[in-house]
């Protein structure tokens, strides 16, 4: 009676399996790091605030605010302080007088920092046996007083930019379809930016600023994401889309600070979040929708750099594809010439 032995694993299988396991473990760790670590360490981090009042009063406020949590700037009067808030130089400010404490905020710009600053103002007022009067200069809309629609916008924007990249790649593959994919992505970004703005402004009432300005900002954000996905795919295939979507969803989404404002994350995480397209898009949306474009320059330039980077990847892929097509054409001509020579020799 003969016995059969099971075939052993192919050479290198164990090594490939180990690489896959380590890679998946690293991915899970990255997800945990991106989602959990910033949340655990969330809180005010060098939040810019203003104070005005007598020298003794402003000095006492300055001492009451932790230097690691708050960055305090003194202003000569209330007018200068409120102008700084509306220009987004500070997120809020305290006016200290004999009659009590007046707190000026812009909750639509930094909701979590506003809540923390309110608690600080109440504590200071309690120690001085005074009262706190709150003036919210830039609140959320009455239809969405907590900005819930804004908080929920990051992931749909990422997925909304990912899907057309996949669809266009399927419909117009290869080097021949490259320019069609670029045109499709740009057209999609304009349409999607308009649609998202219309939804946030007319369906949920989350924003009520200049419609055209908000639309342009969101279209730029969608273009930054979509061109990046298309550019990575043009060089690396679907692996490029996988890498891009992993970075944007696992890092860009939790670090976007759409629900809290960027000053609520640790400094390094906050900076990274504002460099990535979801965070920059959120900051641009806040600037355009609530602050008449104040503070829009930095996120707009950031998103513009991502668009140029994506187009740069597409240009590299286009040149590589053109050289490949030229080599293929030369090879075909050489084969045809060789076949003709053989045919003549046979005659």
Protein backbone atom coordinates (compact mmCIF):
# COMPACT_ATOMS: atom_id res chain seq x y z
CA UNK A 1 0.00 0.00 0.00
CA UNK A 2 1.64 3.21 -1.18
CA UNK A 3 1.63 6.41 0.83
CA UNK A 4 1.35 9.85 -0.67
CA UNK A 5 3.15 12.83 0.76
CA UNK A 6 1.60 16.23 0.75
CA UNK A 7 3.56 18.74 -1.33
CA UNK A 8 5.49 21.24 0.76
CA UNK A 9 5.11 24.97 0.49
CA UNK A 10 6.68 26.65 -2.50
CA UNK A 11 10.09 28.23 -1.91
CA UNK A 12 9.75 31.69 -0.42
CA UNK A 13 6.14 31.16 0.73
CA UNK A 14 7.00 31.47 4.41
CA UNK A 15 8.89 34.68 3.76
CA UNK A 16 6.01 36.20 1.77
CA UNK A 17 3.55 35.14 4.47
CA UNK A 18 5.67 36.79 7.14
CA UNK A 19 5.90 40.01 5.11
CA UNK A 20 2.10 40.05 4.72
CA UNK A 21 1.54 39.44 8.44
CA UNK A 22 4.00 42.13 9.49
CA UNK A 23 2.51 44.56 6.97
CA UNK A 24 -1.04 43.98 8.21
CA UNK A 25 0.10 44.36 11.83
CA UNK A 26 1.81 47.63 10.91
CA UNK A 27 -1.39 48.80 9.20
CA UNK A 28 -3.47 48.04 12.31
CA UNK A 29 -0.92 49.85 14.47
CA UNK A 30 -1.03 52.84 12.14
CA UNK A 31 -4.83 52.93 12.37
CA UNK A 32 -4.71 52.76 16.16
CA UNK A 33 -2.04 55.46 16.30
CA UNK A 34 -3.86 57.82 13.97
CA UNK A 35 -7.24 57.45 15.65
CA UNK A 36 -6.44 56.87 19.30
CA UNK A 37 -3.24 58.76 20.11
CA UNK A 38 -4.44 62.24 19.07
CA UNK A 39 -7.73 61.65 20.90
CA UNK A 40 -5.97 60.59 24.10
CA UNK A 41 -3.79 63.70 23.96
CA UNK A 42 -6.49 66.08 22.74
CA UNK A 43 -7.02 69.40 24.45
CA UNK A 44 -5.89 73.00 24.03
CA UNK A 45 -2.37 73.19 22.61
CA UNK A 46 -0.91 76.70 22.24
CA UNK A 47 -4.34 78.10 21.37
CA UNK A 48 -3.98 81.79 20.39
CA UNK A 49 -6.19 84.00 22.57
CA UNK A 50 -6.32 87.72 23.23
CA UNK A 51 -6.83 89.80 26.37
CA UNK A 52 -7.47 93.46 26.98
CA UNK A 53 -8.03 95.58 30.06
CA UNK A 54 -5.87 97.13 32.71
CA UNK A 55 -2.25 96.03 32.94
CA UNK A 56 -2.83 94.32 36.28
CA UNK A 57 -5.92 92.52 35.00
CA UNK A 58 -4.30 91.27 31.80
CA UNK A 59 -1.27 90.13 33.80
CA UNK A 60 -3.49 88.09 36.11
CA UNK A 61 -5.25 86.52 33.14
CA UNK A 62 -1.91 85.72 31.54
CA UNK A 63 -0.78 83.95 34.72
CA UNK A 64 -4.06 82.02 34.89
CA UNK A 65 -3.64 80.59 31.40
CA UNK A 66 -1.18 77.71 31.05
CA UNK A 67 1.58 78.57 28.58
CA UNK A 68 1.45 75.11 27.01
CA UNK A 69 -2.27 75.35 26.42
CA UNK A 70 -2.73 79.02 25.55
CA UNK A 71 -0.72 81.61 23.65
CA UNK A 72 -1.81 84.99 25.00
CA UNK A 73 -1.61 88.29 23.11
CA UNK A 74 -2.54 91.63 24.71
CA UNK A 75 -4.63 94.10 22.67
CA UNK A 76 -5.11 97.80 23.38
CA UNK A 77 -8.90 97.75 23.33
CA UNK A 78 -11.98 95.70 22.59
CA UNK A 79 -12.16 96.85 18.96
CA UNK A 80 -8.67 95.54 18.24
CA UNK A 81 -9.46 92.27 20.00
CA UNK A 82 -12.67 91.61 18.08
CA UNK A 83 -10.95 92.49 14.80
CA UNK A 84 -8.22 89.94 15.60
CA UNK A 85 -10.88 87.28 16.26
CA UNK A 86 -12.68 87.96 12.99
CA UNK A 87 -9.35 87.95 11.13
CA UNK A 88 -8.59 84.56 12.76
CA UNK A 89 -5.43 85.79 14.46
CA UNK A 90 -6.87 84.49 17.75
CA UNK A 91 -9.75 82.12 18.46
CA UNK A 92 -11.22 84.28 21.22
CA UNK A 93 -10.44 86.81 23.89
CA UNK A 94 -11.17 88.18 27.35
CA UNK A 95 -12.02 91.77 28.22
CA UNK A 96 -11.43 92.37 31.92
CA UNK A 97 -13.05 95.36 33.62
CA UNK A 98 -14.46 96.34 37.01
CA UNK A 99 -17.89 95.29 35.84
CA UNK A 100 -16.84 91.71 35.14
CA UNK A 101 -15.40 89.67 32.30
CA UNK A 102 -16.57 89.79 28.70
CA UNK A 103 -15.67 86.79 26.59
CA UNK A 104 -15.52 87.16 22.80
CA UNK A 105 -15.46 83.93 20.79
CA UNK A 106 -15.79 82.52 17.28
CA UNK A 107 -17.22 79.08 17.97
CA UNK A 108 -17.52 78.18 14.27
CA UNK A 109 -13.75 78.44 13.93
CA UNK A 110 -12.67 76.43 16.97
CA UNK A 111 -15.60 74.89 18.86
CA UNK A 112 -13.58 72.82 21.34
CA UNK A 113 -11.15 75.64 22.14
CA UNK A 114 -14.12 77.98 22.58
CA UNK A 115 -15.66 75.66 25.16
CA UNK A 116 -12.36 75.41 27.04
CA UNK A 117 -11.85 79.18 26.97
CA UNK A 118 -15.37 79.68 28.27
CA UNK A 119 -14.59 77.41 31.23
CA UNK A 120 -11.43 79.42 31.94
CA UNK A 121 -13.34 82.71 31.81
CA UNK A 122 -15.99 81.37 34.20
CA UNK A 123 -13.29 80.21 36.63
CA UNK A 124 -11.55 83.59 36.58
CA UNK A 125 -14.87 85.40 37.04
CA UNK A 126 -15.74 83.20 39.99
CA UNK A 127 -12.46 84.01 41.72
CA UNK A 128 -13.11 87.72 41.20
CA UNK A 129 -16.75 87.38 42.31
CA UNK A 130 -17.79 88.75 38.93
CA UNK A 131 -19.94 87.60 36.04
CA UNK A 132 -19.04 86.48 32.53
CA UNK A 133 -20.79 87.86 29.46
CA UNK A 134 -20.25 85.85 26.27
CA UNK A 135 -20.31 87.35 22.77
CA UNK A 136 -20.08 84.77 19.98
CA UNK A 137 -18.89 86.80 16.99
CA UNK A 138 -18.86 83.92 14.50
CA UNK A 139 -21.30 81.19 15.59
CA UNK A 140 -22.50 78.18 13.69
CA UNK A 141 -25.81 78.56 11.89
CA UNK A 142 -29.16 78.29 13.66
CA UNK A 143 -30.04 75.25 11.57
CA UNK A 144 -26.86 73.42 12.66
CA UNK A 145 -25.73 75.10 15.91
CA UNK A 146 -23.13 72.41 16.70
CA UNK A 147 -21.67 72.15 13.21
CA UNK A 148 -22.56 68.47 12.90
CA UNK A 149 -22.64 68.62 9.10
CA UNK A 150 -19.13 70.04 9.05
CA UNK A 151 -17.84 67.32 11.38
CA UNK A 152 -19.23 64.58 9.16
CA UNK A 153 -17.82 65.94 5.88
CA UNK A 154 -14.25 64.57 5.92
CA UNK A 155 -14.82 60.88 5.15
CA UNK A 156 -17.44 61.48 2.40
CA UNK A 157 -15.03 63.90 0.71
CA UNK A 158 -12.24 61.29 0.76
CA UNK A 159 -14.45 58.48 -0.52
CA UNK A 160 -16.11 60.84 -2.99
CA UNK A 161 -12.70 61.58 -4.52
CA UNK A 162 -11.61 57.93 -4.42
CA UNK A 163 -14.58 56.48 -6.32
CA UNK A 164 -14.17 58.56 -9.52
CA UNK A 165 -10.46 57.75 -9.56
CA UNK A 166 -11.30 54.03 -9.57
CA UNK A 167 -14.17 54.38 -12.08
CA UNK A 168 -12.19 56.53 -14.51
CA UNK A 169 -9.25 54.14 -14.30
CA UNK A 170 -11.54 51.23 -15.17
CA UNK A 171 -13.25 53.04 -18.05
CA UNK A 172 -10.17 54.74 -19.53
CA UNK A 173 -7.20 52.54 -18.62
CA UNK A 174 -3.57 52.77 -19.66
CA UNK A 175 -1.57 55.55 -21.21
CA UNK A 176 -4.16 56.27 -23.88
CA UNK A 177 -6.80 57.09 -21.28
CA UNK A 178 -4.51 59.18 -19.06
CA UNK A 179 -5.57 62.60 -20.33
CA UNK A 180 -9.21 61.60 -20.33
CA UNK A 181 -8.87 60.63 -16.68
CA UNK A 182 -7.32 64.01 -15.89
CA UNK A 183 -10.15 65.88 -17.62
CA UNK A 184 -12.70 63.69 -15.85
CA UNK A 185 -11.16 64.33 -12.43
CA UNK A 186 -11.16 68.11 -12.93
CA UNK A 187 -14.76 68.12 -14.14
CA UNK A 188 -15.78 65.86 -11.26
CA UNK A 189 -14.12 68.15 -8.69
CA UNK A 190 -16.08 71.17 -9.91
CA UNK A 191 -19.39 69.29 -9.95
CA UNK A 192 -18.76 67.60 -6.58
CA UNK A 193 -17.67 70.87 -4.94
CA UNK A 194 -20.88 72.50 -6.09
CA UNK A 195 -23.01 69.57 -4.93
CA UNK A 196 -21.42 69.39 -1.47
CA UNK A 197 -21.75 73.13 -0.96
CA UNK A 198 -25.40 73.02 -2.01
CA UNK A 199 -26.04 70.17 0.41
CA UNK A 200 -24.30 71.87 3.36
CA UNK A 201 -25.94 75.22 2.66
CA UNK A 202 -29.46 74.33 1.54
CA UNK A 203 -30.14 70.82 2.86
CA UNK A 204 -28.55 70.85 6.33
CA UNK A 205 -28.04 74.60 6.76
CA UNK A 206 -24.53 73.97 8.13
CA UNK A 207 -23.00 76.92 6.26
CA UNK A 208 -24.47 80.20 5.09
CA UNK A 209 -21.53 82.08 3.58
CA UNK A 210 -20.81 83.08 -0.01
CA UNK A 211 -21.92 80.12 -2.11
CA UNK A 212 -19.45 80.66 -4.97
CA UNK A 213 -16.48 81.14 -2.64
CA UNK A 214 -17.34 78.05 -0.62
CA UNK A 215 -17.84 76.04 -3.81
CA UNK A 216 -14.42 77.03 -5.17
CA UNK A 217 -12.75 76.00 -1.92
CA UNK A 218 -14.44 72.61 -1.78
CA UNK A 219 -13.74 72.01 -5.48
CA UNK A 220 -10.06 72.70 -4.84
CA UNK A 221 -10.11 70.24 -1.95
CA UNK A 222 -11.77 67.53 -4.05
CA UNK A 223 -9.26 68.18 -6.85
CA UNK A 224 -6.36 67.82 -4.42
CA UNK A 225 -7.60 64.40 -3.35
CA UNK A 226 -8.68 63.15 -6.78
CA UNK A 227 -5.55 64.24 -8.68
CA UNK A 228 -3.40 62.63 -5.99
CA UNK A 229 -5.27 59.33 -6.36
CA UNK A 230 -5.09 59.46 -10.16
CA UNK A 231 -1.42 60.44 -10.10
CA UNK A 232 -0.46 57.58 -7.79
CA UNK A 233 -2.46 55.14 -9.89
CA UNK A 234 -0.80 56.31 -13.10
CA UNK A 235 2.63 55.41 -11.70
CA UNK A 236 1.89 52.44 -9.45
CA UNK A 237 -1.38 51.00 -10.68
CA UNK A 238 -4.13 50.16 -8.19
CA UNK A 239 -1.50 49.79 -5.49
CA UNK A 240 -1.04 53.56 -5.75
CA UNK A 241 -4.74 54.15 -5.15
CA UNK A 242 -4.57 51.76 -2.19
CA UNK A 243 -1.66 53.64 -0.63
CA UNK A 244 -3.25 57.03 -1.23
CA UNK A 245 -6.63 56.02 0.19
CA UNK A 246 -4.99 54.42 3.25
CA UNK A 247 -3.07 57.62 4.04
CA UNK A 248 -6.08 59.87 3.53
CA UNK A 249 -8.54 57.72 5.47
CA UNK A 250 -6.27 56.48 8.26
CA UNK A 251 -4.33 59.72 8.76
CA UNK A 252 -6.13 62.54 6.98
CA UNK A 253 -9.61 61.76 8.32
CA UNK A 254 -8.90 61.57 12.08
CA UNK A 255 -6.40 64.44 11.92
CA UNK A 256 -8.61 66.77 9.88
CA UNK A 257 -9.95 68.38 13.10
CA UNK A 258 -13.19 69.26 11.36
CA UNK A 259 -15.20 68.74 14.54
CA UNK A 260 -12.80 70.41 16.98
CA UNK A 261 -10.56 72.89 15.19
CA UNK A 262 -6.83 72.24 14.68
CA UNK A 263 -5.68 73.70 18.00
CA UNK A 264 -7.31 70.82 19.85
CA UNK A 265 -4.76 68.29 18.58
CA UNK A 266 -1.14 67.97 19.75
CA UNK A 267 1.10 70.33 17.80
CA UNK A 268 2.80 67.75 15.58
CA UNK A 269 -0.42 65.90 14.81
CA UNK A 270 -2.21 69.18 14.15
CA UNK A 271 0.46 70.28 11.68
CA UNK A 272 0.32 66.95 9.85
CA UNK A 273 -3.46 67.09 9.73
CA UNK A 274 -3.44 70.56 8.19
CA UNK A 275 -0.87 69.52 5.57
CA UNK A 276 -3.02 66.61 4.36
CA UNK A 277 -5.90 67.48 2.00
CA UNK A 278 -8.83 66.63 4.34
CA UNK A 279 -7.55 68.98 7.06
CA UNK A 280 -6.63 71.74 4.61
CA UNK A 281 -10.04 71.43 2.97
CA UNK A 282 -11.76 71.71 6.34
CA UNK A 283 -9.78 74.84 7.24
CA UNK A 284 -10.54 76.39 3.86
CA UNK A 285 -14.22 75.54 4.27
CA UNK A 286 -14.32 77.23 7.69
CA UNK A 287 -12.53 80.31 6.33
CA UNK A 288 -14.82 80.71 3.32
CA UNK A 289 -18.11 79.70 4.93
CA UNK A 290 -17.84 81.62 8.21
CA UNK A 291 -15.02 84.20 8.02
CA UNK A 292 -15.46 85.73 4.53
CA UNK A 293 -12.21 84.16 3.35
CA UNK A 294 -10.04 85.31 6.28
CA UNK A 295 -7.37 82.71 6.91
CA UNK A 296 -7.97 81.00 3.56
CA UNK A 297 -4.53 81.61 2.04
CA UNK A 298 -2.55 78.88 3.80
CA UNK A 299 -5.01 75.99 3.25
CA UNK A 300 -5.63 77.12 -0.34
CA UNK A 301 -1.90 77.11 -1.08
CA UNK A 302 -1.58 73.70 0.59
CA UNK A 303 -4.34 72.22 -1.56
CA UNK A 304 -2.89 73.87 -4.66
CA UNK A 305 0.43 72.18 -3.91
CA UNK A 306 -1.33 68.80 -3.72
CA UNK A 307 -3.03 69.43 -7.07
CA UNK A 308 0.31 70.34 -8.66
CA UNK A 309 1.88 67.26 -7.08
CA UNK A 310 -0.83 65.02 -8.51
CA UNK A 311 -0.50 66.61 -11.94
CA UNK A 312 3.28 66.21 -11.66
CA UNK A 313 2.85 62.47 -11.10
CA UNK A 314 0.55 62.36 -14.12
CA UNK A 315 3.13 64.20 -16.24
CA UNK A 316 5.83 61.71 -15.23
CA UNK A 317 3.51 58.83 -16.09
CA UNK A 318 2.60 60.46 -19.40
CA UNK A 319 6.25 60.79 -20.40
CA UNK A 320 7.01 57.23 -19.36
CA UNK A 321 4.01 56.02 -21.33
CA UNK A 322 5.04 58.05 -24.37
CA UNK A 323 8.55 56.59 -24.30
CA UNK A 324 7.10 53.11 -23.89
CA UNK A 325 4.74 53.63 -26.81
CA UNK A 326 7.60 54.95 -28.94
CA UNK A 327 9.76 51.92 -28.12
CA UNK A 328 6.89 49.61 -28.94
CA UNK A 329 6.31 51.38 -32.27
CA UNK A 330 10.01 51.14 -33.14
CA UNK A 331 10.02 47.45 -32.26
CA UNK A 332 6.99 46.87 -34.48
CA UNK A 333 8.63 48.71 -37.38
CA UNK A 334 11.80 46.67 -36.95
CA UNK A 335 9.80 43.45 -37.02
CA UNK A 336 7.91 44.55 -40.12
CA UNK A 337 11.16 45.53 -41.83
CA UNK A 338 12.74 42.20 -40.92
CA UNK A 339 9.71 40.33 -42.25
CA UNK A 340 9.85 42.28 -45.53
CA UNK A 341 13.56 41.53 -45.91
CA UNK A 342 12.93 37.83 -45.36
CA UNK A 343 10.11 37.88 -47.87
CA UNK A 344 12.35 39.49 -50.51
CA UNK A 345 15.13 37.03 -49.78
CA UNK A 346 12.69 34.18 -50.29
CA UNK A 347 11.66 35.58 -53.65
